[in-house]
Amino acid sequence: MNKKLSYTVGVISLILFLIVALIVKMKYMHGPIPVLDLAVQKFAGDLQGVSWLVALASLIATLLGDAGGAVVGLIIIVALYFVFKQRVAAIWLAFNIVIAVGGNTVLKVLIGRVRPETYRLPAFAHESGMSFASGHSVFATILFGTLFLIIVQTVRSQSAKVISGILAVGLIGLTMFSRVLIGVHYPSDTIGGLLIGITVLALTYPTYVNYLRRN
């Protein structure tokens, strides 16, 4: 991805995020966006009886949550820096996580959307915090997206790049759906999280590539 394309993707993603955020703020602070949310919520609700899916969603909630995400992110950053000697990549990943997750924490307060209750599983009845945008979706997009782009820049094998891309998309999508499945987010919350992640990735990627070439 060249610099111009990367910045274009970042700006478009930011604009789309602002549109969704504005729609939420103006009309849907306490309920779903009809076109965007209701059908996916019902579909996810119908799957809540599938025990292994719920178990997987619960695992994702733990691993990519505040405490779990901090541990997972730190382990990967340390491994990149010390084990794989990808110091620029490690710093880029750390920067992306801080900017995206920190920024989303502020945005959640500013937007103030209340979490859904209709399909909330009992185990997550006391999930705290605001709903828009999904922090898990932001973190997953940043983590898996950054790792994919690192592989694109450091691995020669085309098949490895394709496989890592498919895995990244799959894991991000799974994380987004898991948040709707357990009933703690509207689908539009996860889309908002995805767009924040893409924005940060696309706008910082050219700088990462530039520093990588210097070193």
C-alpha atoms as a PDB file:
ATOM      1  CA  MET A   1       0.000   0.000   0.000  1.00  0.00           C
ATOM      2  CA  ASN A   2       1.565   3.311  -1.055  1.00  0.00           C
ATOM      3  CA  LYS A   3       1.484   6.437   1.090  1.00  0.00           C
ATOM      4  CA  LYS A   4      -1.285   8.187  -0.847  1.00  0.00           C
ATOM      5  CA  LEU A   5      -3.580   5.141  -0.752  1.00  0.00           C
ATOM      6  CA  SER A   6      -2.896   4.598   2.946  1.00  0.00           C
ATOM      7  CA  TYR A   7      -3.793   8.175   3.840  1.00  0.00           C
ATOM      8  CA  THR A   8      -6.892   8.016   1.617  1.00  0.00           C
ATOM      9  CA  VAL A   9      -8.105   4.872   3.397  1.00  0.00           C
ATOM     10  CA  GLY A  10      -7.451   6.533   6.751  1.00  0.00           C
ATOM     11  CA  VAL A  11      -9.391   9.683   5.898  1.00  0.00           C
ATOM     12  CA  ILE A  12     -12.337   7.751   4.434  1.00  0.00           C
ATOM     13  CA  SER A  13     -12.452   5.524   7.508  1.00  0.00           C
ATOM     14  CA  LEU A  14     -12.378   8.561   9.787  1.00  0.00           C
ATOM     15  CA  ILE A  15     -15.228  10.209   7.875  1.00  0.00           C
ATOM     16  CA  LEU A  16     -17.320   7.026   8.049  1.00  0.00           C
ATOM     17  CA  PHE A  17     -16.664   6.787  11.779  1.00  0.00           C
ATOM     18  CA  LEU A  18     -17.747  10.397  12.307  1.00  0.00           C
ATOM     19  CA  ILE A  19     -20.960   9.748  10.350  1.00  0.00           C
ATOM     20  CA  VAL A  20     -21.837   6.678  12.440  1.00  0.00           C
ATOM     21  CA  ALA A  21     -20.895   8.490  15.670  1.00  0.00           C
ATOM     22  CA  LEU A  22     -23.050  11.478  14.725  1.00  0.00           C
ATOM     23  CA  ILE A  23     -26.038   9.247  13.942  1.00  0.00           C
ATOM     24  CA  VAL A  24     -25.631   7.501  17.298  1.00  0.00           C
ATOM     25  CA  LYS A  25     -25.231  10.767  19.210  1.00  0.00           C
ATOM     26  CA  MET A  26     -28.247  12.416  17.562  1.00  0.00           C
ATOM     27  CA  LYS A  27     -30.823   9.600  17.692  1.00  0.00           C
ATOM     28  CA  TYR A  28     -29.667   6.268  19.115  1.00  0.00           C
ATOM     29  CA  MET A  29     -28.093   6.839  22.533  1.00  0.00           C
ATOM     30  CA  HIS A  30     -30.467   4.366  24.193  1.00  0.00           C
ATOM     31  CA  GLY A  31     -31.336   1.957  21.412  1.00  0.00           C
ATOM     32  CA  PRO A  32     -30.290   0.205  18.195  1.00  0.00           C
ATOM     33  CA  ILE A  33     -29.950   1.770  14.769  1.00  0.00           C
ATOM     34  CA  PRO A  34     -32.787  -0.027  12.920  1.00  0.00           C
ATOM     35  CA  VAL A  35     -31.030  -0.843   9.642  1.00  0.00           C
ATOM     36  CA  LEU A  36     -27.590  -1.458  11.132  1.00  0.00           C
ATOM     37  CA  ASP A  37     -28.279  -3.224  14.420  1.00  0.00           C
ATOM     38  CA  LEU A  38     -31.574  -5.071  14.782  1.00  0.00           C
ATOM     39  CA  ALA A  39     -31.135  -7.956  12.327  1.00  0.00           C
ATOM     40  CA  VAL A  40     -27.607  -8.779  13.496  1.00  0.00           C
ATOM     41  CA  GLN A  41     -28.666  -8.573  17.147  1.00  0.00           C
ATOM     42  CA  LYS A  42     -31.500 -11.032  16.543  1.00  0.00           C
ATOM     43  CA  PHE A  43     -29.226 -13.398  14.600  1.00  0.00           C
ATOM     44  CA  ALA A  44     -26.646 -13.298  17.401  1.00  0.00           C
ATOM     45  CA  GLY A  45     -29.352 -13.752  20.012  1.00  0.00           C
ATOM     46  CA  ASP A  46     -30.562 -16.910  18.276  1.00  0.00           C
ATOM     47  CA  LEU A  47     -27.026 -18.335  18.608  1.00  0.00           C
ATOM     48  CA  GLN A  48     -26.762 -17.779  22.348  1.00  0.00           C
ATOM     49  CA  GLY A  49     -27.852 -21.371  22.915  1.00  0.00           C
ATOM     50  CA  VAL A  50     -24.705 -22.654  21.173  1.00  0.00           C
ATOM     51  CA  SER A  51     -22.495 -23.279  24.201  1.00  0.00           C
ATOM     52  CA  TRP A  52     -19.129 -23.410  22.415  1.00  0.00           C
ATOM     53  CA  LEU A  53     -19.801 -20.098  20.687  1.00  0.00           C
ATOM     54  CA  VAL A  54     -20.651 -18.433  23.980  1.00  0.00           C
ATOM     55  CA  ALA A  55     -17.535 -19.978  25.568  1.00  0.00           C
ATOM     56  CA  LEU A  56     -15.408 -18.636  22.707  1.00  0.00           C
ATOM     57  CA  ALA A  57     -16.976 -15.183  23.006  1.00  0.00           C
ATOM     58  CA  SER A  58     -16.320 -15.225  26.753  1.00  0.00           C
ATOM     59  CA  LEU A  59     -12.686 -16.163  26.144  1.00  0.00           C
ATOM     60  CA  ILE A  60     -12.304 -13.291  23.669  1.00  0.00           C
ATOM     61  CA  ALA A  61     -13.887 -10.940  26.220  1.00  0.00           C
ATOM     62  CA  THR A  62     -11.222 -11.962  28.742  1.00  0.00           C
ATOM     63  CA  LEU A  63      -8.175 -12.043  26.452  1.00  0.00           C
ATOM     64  CA  LEU A  64      -8.895  -8.751  24.692  1.00  0.00           C
ATOM     65  CA  GLY A  65     -10.421  -6.887  27.630  1.00  0.00           C
ATOM     66  CA  ASP A  66      -8.672  -4.213  29.692  1.00  0.00           C
ATOM     67  CA  ALA A  67      -6.452  -6.501  31.788  1.00  0.00           C
ATOM     68  CA  GLY A  68      -6.164  -9.371  29.311  1.00  0.00           C
ATOM     69  CA  GLY A  69      -5.512  -7.058  26.395  1.00  0.00           C
ATOM     70  CA  ALA A  70      -2.763  -5.264  28.303  1.00  0.00           C
ATOM     71  CA  VAL A  71      -1.027  -8.591  29.021  1.00  0.00           C
ATOM     72  CA  VAL A  72      -1.467  -9.929  25.467  1.00  0.00           C
ATOM     73  CA  GLY A  73      -0.310  -6.655  23.926  1.00  0.00           C
ATOM     74  CA  LEU A  74       2.725  -6.427  26.208  1.00  0.00           C
ATOM     75  CA  ILE A  75       3.775 -10.012  25.465  1.00  0.00           C
ATOM     76  CA  ILE A  76       3.581  -9.432  21.707  1.00  0.00           C
ATOM     77  CA  ILE A  77       5.409  -6.086  21.904  1.00  0.00           C
ATOM     78  CA  VAL A  78       8.207  -7.614  24.010  1.00  0.00           C
ATOM     79  CA  ALA A  79       8.449 -10.596  21.636  1.00  0.00           C
ATOM     80  CA  LEU A  80       8.690  -8.307  18.604  1.00  0.00           C
ATOM     81  CA  TYR A  81      11.339  -6.143  20.237  1.00  0.00           C
ATOM     82  CA  PHE A  82      13.580  -8.718  21.879  1.00  0.00           C
ATOM     83  CA  VAL A  83      12.884 -12.068  20.183  1.00  0.00           C
ATOM     84  CA  PHE A  84      12.230 -11.096  16.565  1.00  0.00           C
ATOM     85  CA  LYS A  85      14.398  -7.947  16.704  1.00  0.00           C
ATOM     86  CA  GLN A  86      11.615  -5.943  15.050  1.00  0.00           C
ATOM     87  CA  ARG A  87      12.125  -2.858  17.185  1.00  0.00           C
ATOM     88  CA  VAL A  88      10.419  -0.374  14.865  1.00  0.00           C
ATOM     89  CA  ALA A  89       7.431  -2.719  14.556  1.00  0.00           C
ATOM     90  CA  ALA A  90       7.218  -3.145  18.347  1.00  0.00           C
ATOM     91  CA  ILE A  91       7.215   0.620  18.904  1.00  0.00           C
ATOM     92  CA  TRP A  92       4.621   1.090  16.146  1.00  0.00           C
ATOM     93  CA  LEU A  93       2.313  -1.518  17.685  1.00  0.00           C
ATOM     94  CA  ALA A  94       2.670   0.041  21.151  1.00  0.00           C
ATOM     95  CA  PHE A  95       1.955   3.509  19.718  1.00  0.00           C
ATOM     96  CA  ASN A  96      -1.117   2.286  17.831  1.00  0.00           C
ATOM     97  CA  ILE A  97      -2.552   0.582  20.908  1.00  0.00           C
ATOM     98  CA  VAL A  98      -2.064   3.640  23.115  1.00  0.00           C
ATOM     99  CA  ILE A  99      -3.514   6.082  20.569  1.00  0.00           C
ATOM    100  CA  ALA A 100      -6.490   3.936  19.490  1.00  0.00           C
ATOM    101  CA  VAL A 101      -7.504   2.505  22.860  1.00  0.00           C
ATOM    102  CA  GLY A 102      -6.817   5.745  24.717  1.00  0.00           C
ATOM    103  CA  GLY A 103      -8.694   7.781  22.128  1.00  0.00           C
ATOM    104  CA  ASN A 104     -11.648   5.426  22.209  1.00  0.00           C
ATOM    105  CA  THR A 105     -11.818   5.648  26.008  1.00  0.00           C
ATOM    106  CA  VAL A 106     -12.305   9.400  25.691  1.00  0.00           C
ATOM    107  CA  LEU A 107     -14.787   9.034  22.828  1.00  0.00           C
ATOM    108  CA  LYS A 108     -16.911   6.601  24.832  1.00  0.00           C
ATOM    109  CA  VAL A 109     -17.385   9.236  27.516  1.00  0.00           C
ATOM    110  CA  LEU A 110     -18.045  12.028  25.020  1.00  0.00           C
ATOM    111  CA  ILE A 111     -20.630  10.033  23.059  1.00  0.00           C
ATOM    112  CA  GLY A 112     -22.156   8.327  26.104  1.00  0.00           C
ATOM    113  CA  ARG A 113     -24.192   5.600  24.422  1.00  0.00           C
ATOM    114  CA  VAL A 114     -25.782   3.178  26.890  1.00  0.00           C
ATOM    115  CA  ARG A 115     -25.059  -0.534  26.466  1.00  0.00           C
ATOM    116  CA  PRO A 116     -27.860  -2.757  25.120  1.00  0.00           C
ATOM    117  CA  GLU A 117     -29.887  -4.899  27.537  1.00  0.00           C
ATOM    118  CA  THR A 118     -32.181  -6.939  25.276  1.00  0.00           C
ATOM    119  CA  TYR A 119     -29.820  -9.811  24.460  1.00  0.00           C
ATOM    120  CA  ARG A 120     -27.404  -9.439  27.398  1.00  0.00           C
ATOM    121  CA  LEU A 121     -26.199 -12.763  28.780  1.00  0.00           C
ATOM    122  CA  PRO A 122     -26.479 -13.058  32.599  1.00  0.00           C
ATOM    123  CA  ALA A 123     -22.713 -13.551  32.972  1.00  0.00           C
ATOM    124  CA  PHE A 124     -22.208 -10.067  31.500  1.00  0.00           C
ATOM    125  CA  ALA A 125     -25.121  -8.345  33.227  1.00  0.00           C
ATOM    126  CA  HIS A 126     -22.817  -6.022  35.148  1.00  0.00           C
ATOM    127  CA  GLU A 127     -20.553  -5.027  32.243  1.00  0.00           C
ATOM    128  CA  SER A 128     -19.636  -1.414  32.957  1.00  0.00           C
ATOM    129  CA  GLY A 129     -18.780   1.530  30.742  1.00  0.00           C
ATOM    130  CA  MET A 130     -20.340   3.099  27.697  1.00  0.00           C
ATOM    131  CA  SER A 131     -21.141   1.268  24.483  1.00  0.00           C
ATOM    132  CA  PHE A 132     -19.849   3.263  21.497  1.00  0.00           C
ATOM    133  CA  ALA A 133     -17.353   2.365  20.200  1.00  0.00           C
ATOM    134  CA  SER A 134     -16.459  -1.206  21.145  1.00  0.00           C
ATOM    135  CA  GLY A 135     -13.067  -1.253  22.851  1.00  0.00           C
ATOM    136  CA  HIS A 136     -12.547  -4.935  22.062  1.00  0.00           C
ATOM    137  CA  SER A 137     -13.155  -4.220  18.367  1.00  0.00           C
ATOM    138  CA  VAL A 138     -10.708  -1.312  18.434  1.00  0.00           C
ATOM    139  CA  PHE A 139      -8.047  -3.422  20.131  1.00  0.00           C
ATOM    140  CA  ALA A 140      -8.558  -6.429  17.836  1.00  0.00           C
ATOM    141  CA  THR A 141      -8.348  -4.248  14.714  1.00  0.00           C
ATOM    142  CA  ILE A 142      -5.173  -2.577  15.944  1.00  0.00           C
ATOM    143  CA  LEU A 143      -3.510  -5.771  17.194  1.00  0.00           C
ATOM    144  CA  PHE A 144      -4.259  -8.102  14.283  1.00  0.00           C
ATOM    145  CA  GLY A 145      -4.138  -5.341  11.663  1.00  0.00           C
ATOM    146  CA  THR A 146      -0.737  -4.114  12.821  1.00  0.00           C
ATOM    147  CA  LEU A 147       0.669  -7.650  12.939  1.00  0.00           C
ATOM    148  CA  PHE A 148      -0.598  -8.277   9.402  1.00  0.00           C
ATOM    149  CA  LEU A 149       1.043  -5.113   8.070  1.00  0.00           C
ATOM    150  CA  ILE A 150       4.274  -5.995   9.864  1.00  0.00           C
ATOM    151  CA  ILE A 151       4.239  -9.362   8.093  1.00  0.00           C
ATOM    152  CA  VAL A 152       3.575  -7.619   4.777  1.00  0.00           C
ATOM    153  CA  GLN A 153       6.737  -5.557   5.251  1.00  0.00           C
ATOM    154  CA  THR A 154       9.038  -8.200   6.725  1.00  0.00           C
ATOM    155  CA  VAL A 155       8.090 -11.560   5.158  1.00  0.00           C
ATOM    156  CA  ARG A 156       8.832 -12.384   1.522  1.00  0.00           C
ATOM    157  CA  SER A 157       6.438 -15.309   1.094  1.00  0.00           C
ATOM    158  CA  GLN A 158       3.253 -14.227  -0.700  1.00  0.00           C
ATOM    159  CA  SER A 159       1.328 -17.181   0.688  1.00  0.00           C
ATOM    160  CA  ALA A 160       2.298 -16.155   4.241  1.00  0.00           C
ATOM    161  CA  LYS A 161       1.016 -12.650   3.543  1.00  0.00           C
ATOM    162  CA  VAL A 162      -2.281 -13.962   2.171  1.00  0.00           C
ATOM    163  CA  ILE A 163      -2.784 -16.384   5.063  1.00  0.00           C
ATOM    164  CA  SER A 164      -1.954 -13.738   7.666  1.00  0.00           C
ATOM    165  CA  GLY A 165      -4.378 -11.335   5.977  1.00  0.00           C
ATOM    166  CA  ILE A 166      -7.188 -13.887   6.064  1.00  0.00           C
ATOM    167  CA  LEU A 167      -6.429 -14.679   9.707  1.00  0.00           C
ATOM    168  CA  ALA A 168      -6.388 -10.988  10.637  1.00  0.00           C
ATOM    169  CA  VAL A 169      -9.751 -10.321   8.978  1.00  0.00           C
ATOM    170  CA  GLY A 170     -11.232 -13.474  10.507  1.00  0.00           C
ATOM    171  CA  LEU A 171     -10.049 -12.684  14.034  1.00  0.00           C
ATOM    172  CA  ILE A 172     -11.232  -9.077  13.839  1.00  0.00           C
ATOM    173  CA  GLY A 173     -14.629 -10.186  12.527  1.00  0.00           C
ATOM    174  CA  LEU A 174     -14.909 -12.881  15.197  1.00  0.00           C
ATOM    175  CA  THR A 175     -14.109 -10.372  17.923  1.00  0.00           C
ATOM    176  CA  MET A 176     -16.713  -7.942  16.610  1.00  0.00           C
ATOM    177  CA  PHE A 177     -19.414 -10.610  16.425  1.00  0.00           C
ATOM    178  CA  SER A 178     -18.529 -11.981  19.872  1.00  0.00           C
ATOM    179  CA  ARG A 179     -19.386  -8.638  21.467  1.00  0.00           C
ATOM    180  CA  VAL A 180     -22.839  -8.700  19.905  1.00  0.00           C
ATOM    181  CA  LEU A 181     -23.303 -12.396  20.749  1.00  0.00           C
ATOM    182  CA  ILE A 182     -22.889 -11.862  24.492  1.00  0.00           C
ATOM    183  CA  GLY A 183     -25.119  -8.788  24.284  1.00  0.00           C
ATOM    184  CA  VAL A 184     -22.791  -6.044  25.525  1.00  0.00           C
ATOM    185  CA  HIS A 185     -22.622  -4.073  22.267  1.00  0.00           C
ATOM    186  CA  TYR A 186     -24.739  -3.088  19.307  1.00  0.00           C
ATOM    187  CA  PRO A 187     -23.304  -4.067  15.906  1.00  0.00           C
ATOM    188  CA  SER A 188     -22.836  -0.358  15.161  1.00  0.00           C
ATOM    189  CA  ASP A 189     -20.558  -0.146  18.218  1.00  0.00           C
ATOM    190  CA  THR A 190     -18.282  -2.791  16.744  1.00  0.00           C
ATOM    191  CA  ILE A 191     -18.324  -1.091  13.342  1.00  0.00           C
ATOM    192  CA  GLY A 192     -17.284   2.110  15.077  1.00  0.00           C
ATOM    193  CA  GLY A 193     -14.427   0.247  16.741  1.00  0.00           C
ATOM    194  CA  LEU A 194     -13.340  -1.235  13.420  1.00  0.00           C
ATOM    195  CA  LEU A 195     -13.322   2.202  11.785  1.00  0.00           C
ATOM    196  CA  ILE A 196     -11.233   3.712  14.595  1.00  0.00           C
ATOM    197  CA  GLY A 197      -8.729   0.896  14.218  1.00  0.00           C
ATOM    198  CA  ILE A 198      -8.515   1.241  10.440  1.00  0.00           C
ATOM    199  CA  THR A 199      -8.102   5.010  10.754  1.00  0.00           C
ATOM    200  CA  VAL A 200      -5.143   4.714  13.132  1.00  0.00           C
ATOM    201  CA  LEU A 201      -3.551   1.892  11.131  1.00  0.00           C
ATOM    202  CA  ALA A 202      -3.848   3.648   7.779  1.00  0.00           C
ATOM    203  CA  LEU A 203      -2.658   7.049   9.004  1.00  0.00           C
ATOM    204  CA  THR A 204       0.388   5.659  10.840  1.00  0.00           C
ATOM    205  CA  TYR A 205       1.406   2.936   8.375  1.00  0.00           C
ATOM    206  CA  PRO A 206       3.417   5.222   6.031  1.00  0.00           C
ATOM    207  CA  THR A 207       5.471   6.476   8.993  1.00  0.00           C
ATOM    208  CA  TYR A 208       6.210   2.892  10.047  1.00  0.00           C
ATOM    209  CA  VAL A 209       7.337   2.009   6.522  1.00  0.00           C
ATOM    210  CA  ASN A 210       9.503   5.132   6.374  1.00  0.00           C
ATOM    211  CA  TYR A 211      11.284   4.318   9.654  1.00  0.00           C
ATOM    212  CA  LEU A 212      11.604   0.665   8.643  1.00  0.00           C
ATOM    213  CA  ARG A 213      13.443   1.628   5.449  1.00  0.00           C
ATOM    214  CA  ARG A 214      15.768   3.944   7.351  1.00  0.00           C
ATOM    215  CA  ASN A 215      16.767   1.116   9.668  1.00  0.00           C
END
